[in-house]
N, C-alpha and C. Protein backbone atom coordinates (compact mmCIF):
# COMPACT_ATOMS: atom_id res chain seq x y z
N VAL A 1 78.32 100.23 152.64
CA VAL A 1 79.31 99.60 151.76
C VAL A 1 79.36 100.44 150.48
N SER A 2 80.62 100.67 150.04
CA SER A 2 80.74 101.32 148.73
C SER A 2 81.93 100.69 148.00
N LEU A 3 81.76 100.69 146.67
CA LEU A 3 82.74 100.20 145.76
C LEU A 3 82.96 101.31 144.73
N GLY A 4 84.19 101.65 144.45
CA GLY A 4 84.45 102.70 143.46
C GLY A 4 85.63 102.32 142.60
N PHE A 5 85.72 102.85 141.38
CA PHE A 5 86.79 102.55 140.50
C PHE A 5 87.27 103.83 139.85
N ALA A 6 88.58 104.12 139.90
CA ALA A 6 89.16 105.27 139.27
C ALA A 6 90.63 104.99 138.99
N ASP A 7 91.06 105.31 137.79
CA ASP A 7 92.49 105.19 137.40
C ASP A 7 93.10 103.82 137.73
N GLY A 8 92.29 102.78 137.49
CA GLY A 8 92.82 101.41 137.67
C GLY A 8 92.83 100.93 139.14
N ILE A 9 92.26 101.71 140.04
CA ILE A 9 92.22 101.37 141.44
C ILE A 9 90.76 101.07 141.86
N LEU A 10 90.53 99.91 142.41
CA LEU A 10 89.21 99.54 142.96
C LEU A 10 89.26 99.83 144.43
N SER A 11 88.37 100.70 144.90
CA SER A 11 88.28 101.09 146.30
C SER A 11 87.07 100.43 146.95
N VAL A 12 87.27 99.80 148.10
CA VAL A 12 86.22 99.16 148.86
C VAL A 12 86.16 99.80 150.20
N ALA A 13 84.94 100.15 150.64
CA ALA A 13 84.73 100.73 151.98
C ALA A 13 83.64 99.96 152.68
N LEU A 14 83.99 99.25 153.75
CA LEU A 14 83.03 98.53 154.54
C LEU A 14 82.82 99.28 155.87
N PRO A 15 81.72 98.98 156.59
CA PRO A 15 81.54 99.67 157.84
C PRO A 15 82.73 99.43 158.81
N ALA A 16 83.20 100.51 159.41
CA ALA A 16 84.32 100.38 160.37
C ALA A 16 83.98 99.42 161.52
N SER A 17 82.71 99.36 161.88
CA SER A 17 82.30 98.45 162.96
C SER A 17 82.51 97.00 162.56
N HIS A 18 82.44 96.66 161.26
CA HIS A 18 82.70 95.33 160.77
C HIS A 18 84.22 95.06 160.85
N ALA A 19 85.03 96.03 160.41
CA ALA A 19 86.46 95.85 160.38
C ALA A 19 87.00 95.64 161.80
N ALA A 20 86.44 96.34 162.77
CA ALA A 20 86.87 96.21 164.14
C ALA A 20 86.59 94.82 164.72
N ARG A 21 85.63 94.09 164.14
CA ARG A 21 85.26 92.79 164.64
C ARG A 21 85.90 91.66 163.87
N GLY A 22 86.64 91.96 162.86
CA GLY A 22 87.34 90.95 162.07
C GLY A 22 86.50 90.51 160.89
N ILE A 23 87.08 90.62 159.72
CA ILE A 23 86.43 90.31 158.47
C ILE A 23 87.18 89.26 157.72
N THR A 24 86.44 88.30 157.13
CA THR A 24 87.04 87.38 156.13
C THR A 24 86.15 87.54 154.90
N GLY A 25 86.76 87.43 153.72
CA GLY A 25 85.94 87.50 152.50
C GLY A 25 86.79 87.63 151.23
N THR A 26 86.05 87.92 150.15
CA THR A 26 86.70 88.05 148.82
C THR A 26 86.12 89.21 148.07
N ILE A 27 86.89 89.70 147.13
CA ILE A 27 86.48 90.70 146.18
C ILE A 27 86.60 90.04 144.81
N ARG A 28 85.54 90.17 144.02
CA ARG A 28 85.55 89.52 142.72
C ARG A 28 85.19 90.55 141.63
N LEU A 29 86.02 90.60 140.64
CA LEU A 29 85.73 91.41 139.44
C LEU A 29 85.41 90.41 138.36
N TYR A 30 84.23 90.55 137.80
CA TYR A 30 83.93 89.60 136.71
C TYR A 30 83.35 90.33 135.51
N ARG A 31 83.68 89.79 134.37
CA ARG A 31 83.31 90.36 133.07
C ARG A 31 82.23 89.45 132.46
N PRO A 32 80.99 89.94 132.45
CA PRO A 32 79.89 89.09 131.93
C PRO A 32 80.14 88.58 130.49
N SER A 33 80.87 89.31 129.70
CA SER A 33 81.09 88.89 128.31
C SER A 33 82.30 87.98 128.10
N ASP A 34 83.15 87.82 129.15
CA ASP A 34 84.35 86.98 129.00
C ASP A 34 84.87 86.52 130.36
N ALA A 35 84.41 85.38 130.80
CA ALA A 35 84.75 84.86 132.13
C ALA A 35 86.28 84.58 132.31
N ARG A 36 86.99 84.49 131.17
CA ARG A 36 88.44 84.28 131.28
C ARG A 36 89.15 85.48 131.93
N LEU A 37 88.52 86.65 131.93
CA LEU A 37 89.13 87.85 132.50
C LEU A 37 88.80 88.07 133.97
N ASP A 38 87.96 87.20 134.52
CA ASP A 38 87.53 87.35 135.93
C ASP A 38 88.73 87.32 136.87
N ARG A 39 88.62 88.05 137.98
CA ARG A 39 89.68 88.12 138.99
C ARG A 39 89.05 87.97 140.36
N GLU A 40 89.73 87.26 141.25
CA GLU A 40 89.24 87.15 142.63
C GLU A 40 90.43 87.46 143.57
N MET A 41 90.18 88.34 144.55
CA MET A 41 91.20 88.76 145.47
C MET A 41 90.69 88.59 146.94
N THR A 42 91.61 88.45 147.84
CA THR A 42 91.26 88.35 149.26
C THR A 42 90.90 89.72 149.80
N LEU A 43 89.82 89.78 150.60
CA LEU A 43 89.42 90.97 151.24
C LEU A 43 90.27 91.18 152.50
N THR A 44 91.01 92.25 152.57
CA THR A 44 91.86 92.55 153.73
C THR A 44 91.79 94.06 154.05
N PRO A 45 90.69 94.52 154.52
CA PRO A 45 90.55 95.95 154.79
C PRO A 45 91.36 96.38 156.00
N ASP A 46 91.68 97.69 156.04
CA ASP A 46 92.38 98.22 157.17
C ASP A 46 91.41 98.37 158.35
N ALA A 47 91.88 98.93 159.46
CA ALA A 47 91.04 99.05 160.66
C ALA A 47 89.82 99.94 160.47
N SER A 48 89.86 100.79 159.45
CA SER A 48 88.72 101.67 159.21
C SER A 48 87.74 101.07 158.18
N GLY A 49 88.08 99.82 157.66
CA GLY A 49 87.20 99.17 156.73
C GLY A 49 87.49 99.43 155.27
N HIS A 50 88.61 100.08 154.95
CA HIS A 50 88.95 100.46 153.58
C HIS A 50 90.03 99.57 153.01
N GLN A 51 89.93 99.32 151.67
CA GLN A 51 90.92 98.59 150.95
C GLN A 51 90.98 99.14 149.56
N ALA A 52 92.21 99.33 149.01
CA ALA A 52 92.39 99.78 147.62
C ALA A 52 93.19 98.71 146.91
N LEU A 53 92.73 98.35 145.71
CA LEU A 53 93.39 97.30 144.89
C LEU A 53 93.74 97.85 143.54
N ASP A 54 94.97 97.65 143.13
CA ASP A 54 95.39 98.02 141.78
C ASP A 54 94.93 96.89 140.87
N VAL A 55 94.01 97.16 139.95
CA VAL A 55 93.49 96.13 139.09
C VAL A 55 93.87 96.42 137.63
N ARG A 56 94.93 97.20 137.42
CA ARG A 56 95.41 97.49 136.06
C ARG A 56 96.19 96.31 135.55
N PRO A 57 96.28 96.06 134.31
CA PRO A 57 95.47 96.64 133.27
C PRO A 57 94.09 95.95 133.24
N ILE A 58 93.14 96.76 132.99
CA ILE A 58 91.75 96.21 132.93
C ILE A 58 91.14 96.64 131.59
N ARG A 59 90.50 95.73 130.95
CA ARG A 59 89.89 96.03 129.62
C ARG A 59 88.66 96.92 129.78
N PRO A 60 88.43 97.79 128.83
CA PRO A 60 87.26 98.63 128.83
C PRO A 60 85.99 97.78 128.68
N GLY A 61 84.90 98.29 129.16
CA GLY A 61 83.58 97.63 129.02
C GLY A 61 82.91 97.44 130.35
N LEU A 62 81.89 96.62 130.35
CA LEU A 62 81.10 96.34 131.53
C LEU A 62 81.77 95.25 132.39
N TRP A 63 81.91 95.55 133.65
CA TRP A 63 82.42 94.62 134.67
C TRP A 63 81.39 94.68 135.81
N LYS A 64 81.48 93.65 136.64
CA LYS A 64 80.72 93.69 137.89
C LYS A 64 81.72 93.44 139.02
N ALA A 65 81.60 94.24 140.05
CA ALA A 65 82.43 94.13 141.24
C ALA A 65 81.58 93.61 142.40
N ALA A 66 82.02 92.52 143.00
CA ALA A 66 81.25 91.92 144.09
C ALA A 66 82.13 91.70 145.30
N VAL A 67 81.64 92.03 146.44
CA VAL A 67 82.32 91.84 147.72
C VAL A 67 81.50 90.91 148.55
N GLN A 68 82.10 89.83 149.04
CA GLN A 68 81.46 88.90 149.98
C GLN A 68 82.30 88.88 151.19
N TRP A 69 81.66 89.07 152.40
CA TRP A 69 82.40 89.02 153.65
C TRP A 69 81.58 88.47 154.77
N THR A 70 82.27 88.00 155.77
CA THR A 70 81.66 87.41 156.95
C THR A 70 82.21 88.10 158.19
N VAL A 71 81.25 88.47 159.06
CA VAL A 71 81.62 89.10 160.36
C VAL A 71 80.79 88.43 161.42
N ALA A 72 81.50 87.90 162.42
CA ALA A 72 80.80 87.24 163.56
C ALA A 72 79.79 86.19 163.10
N GLY A 73 80.15 85.44 162.06
CA GLY A 73 79.30 84.39 161.58
C GLY A 73 78.13 84.84 160.64
N VAL A 74 78.01 86.10 160.38
CA VAL A 74 76.99 86.63 159.51
C VAL A 74 77.59 86.96 158.16
N GLU A 75 76.99 86.45 157.07
CA GLU A 75 77.51 86.70 155.74
C GLU A 75 76.83 87.90 155.09
N TYR A 76 77.67 88.65 154.32
CA TYR A 76 77.17 89.85 153.62
C TYR A 76 77.66 89.77 152.17
N PHE A 77 76.93 90.46 151.30
CA PHE A 77 77.28 90.48 149.87
C PHE A 77 76.83 91.81 149.29
N HIS A 78 77.66 92.38 148.45
CA HIS A 78 77.34 93.64 147.77
C HIS A 78 77.97 93.59 146.36
N GLU A 79 77.15 93.98 145.37
CA GLU A 79 77.62 93.91 143.98
C GLU A 79 77.18 95.18 143.27
N VAL A 80 78.10 95.70 142.42
CA VAL A 80 77.74 96.86 141.59
C VAL A 80 78.32 96.69 140.18
N PRO A 81 77.62 97.22 139.15
CA PRO A 81 78.19 97.24 137.83
C PRO A 81 79.22 98.36 137.72
N VAL A 82 80.26 98.13 136.98
CA VAL A 82 81.31 99.11 136.73
C VAL A 82 81.59 99.18 135.26
N VAL A 83 81.48 100.37 134.64
CA VAL A 83 81.79 100.51 133.22
C VAL A 83 83.13 101.22 133.09
N ILE A 84 84.08 100.53 132.44
CA ILE A 84 85.43 101.06 132.30
C ILE A 84 85.55 101.59 130.88
N SER A 85 86.05 102.81 130.77
CA SER A 85 86.26 103.38 129.42
C SER A 85 87.76 103.56 129.20
N GLY A 86 88.16 103.52 127.94
CA GLY A 86 89.54 103.68 127.60
C GLY A 86 90.40 102.53 128.06
N GLY A 87 91.71 102.72 128.18
CA GLY A 87 92.63 101.72 128.71
C GLY A 87 93.04 100.68 127.66
N PRO A 88 93.74 99.60 128.09
CA PRO A 88 94.20 98.60 127.16
C PRO A 88 93.11 97.78 126.56
N ARG A 89 93.33 97.24 125.41
CA ARG A 89 92.33 96.41 124.74
C ARG A 89 92.74 95.00 124.71
């Protein structure tokens, strides 16, 4: 599993074997210093397990990106910190 952020796009890559079996889940961006800015989106990866989301405008600072998904009744979770520099204030 990988999560990446560049130019306002959040990229999610799940195992292709999971995508082939059907995935349900969510992607959550949350800001520890201001919960009012939190965002939650539906996880809808393509057949290879990839999804790209435009999350602009996003405020600079520390964010956490979390993906929760279920495949064949088994739940998975992955979270990473993301530091955004520049952009709108």
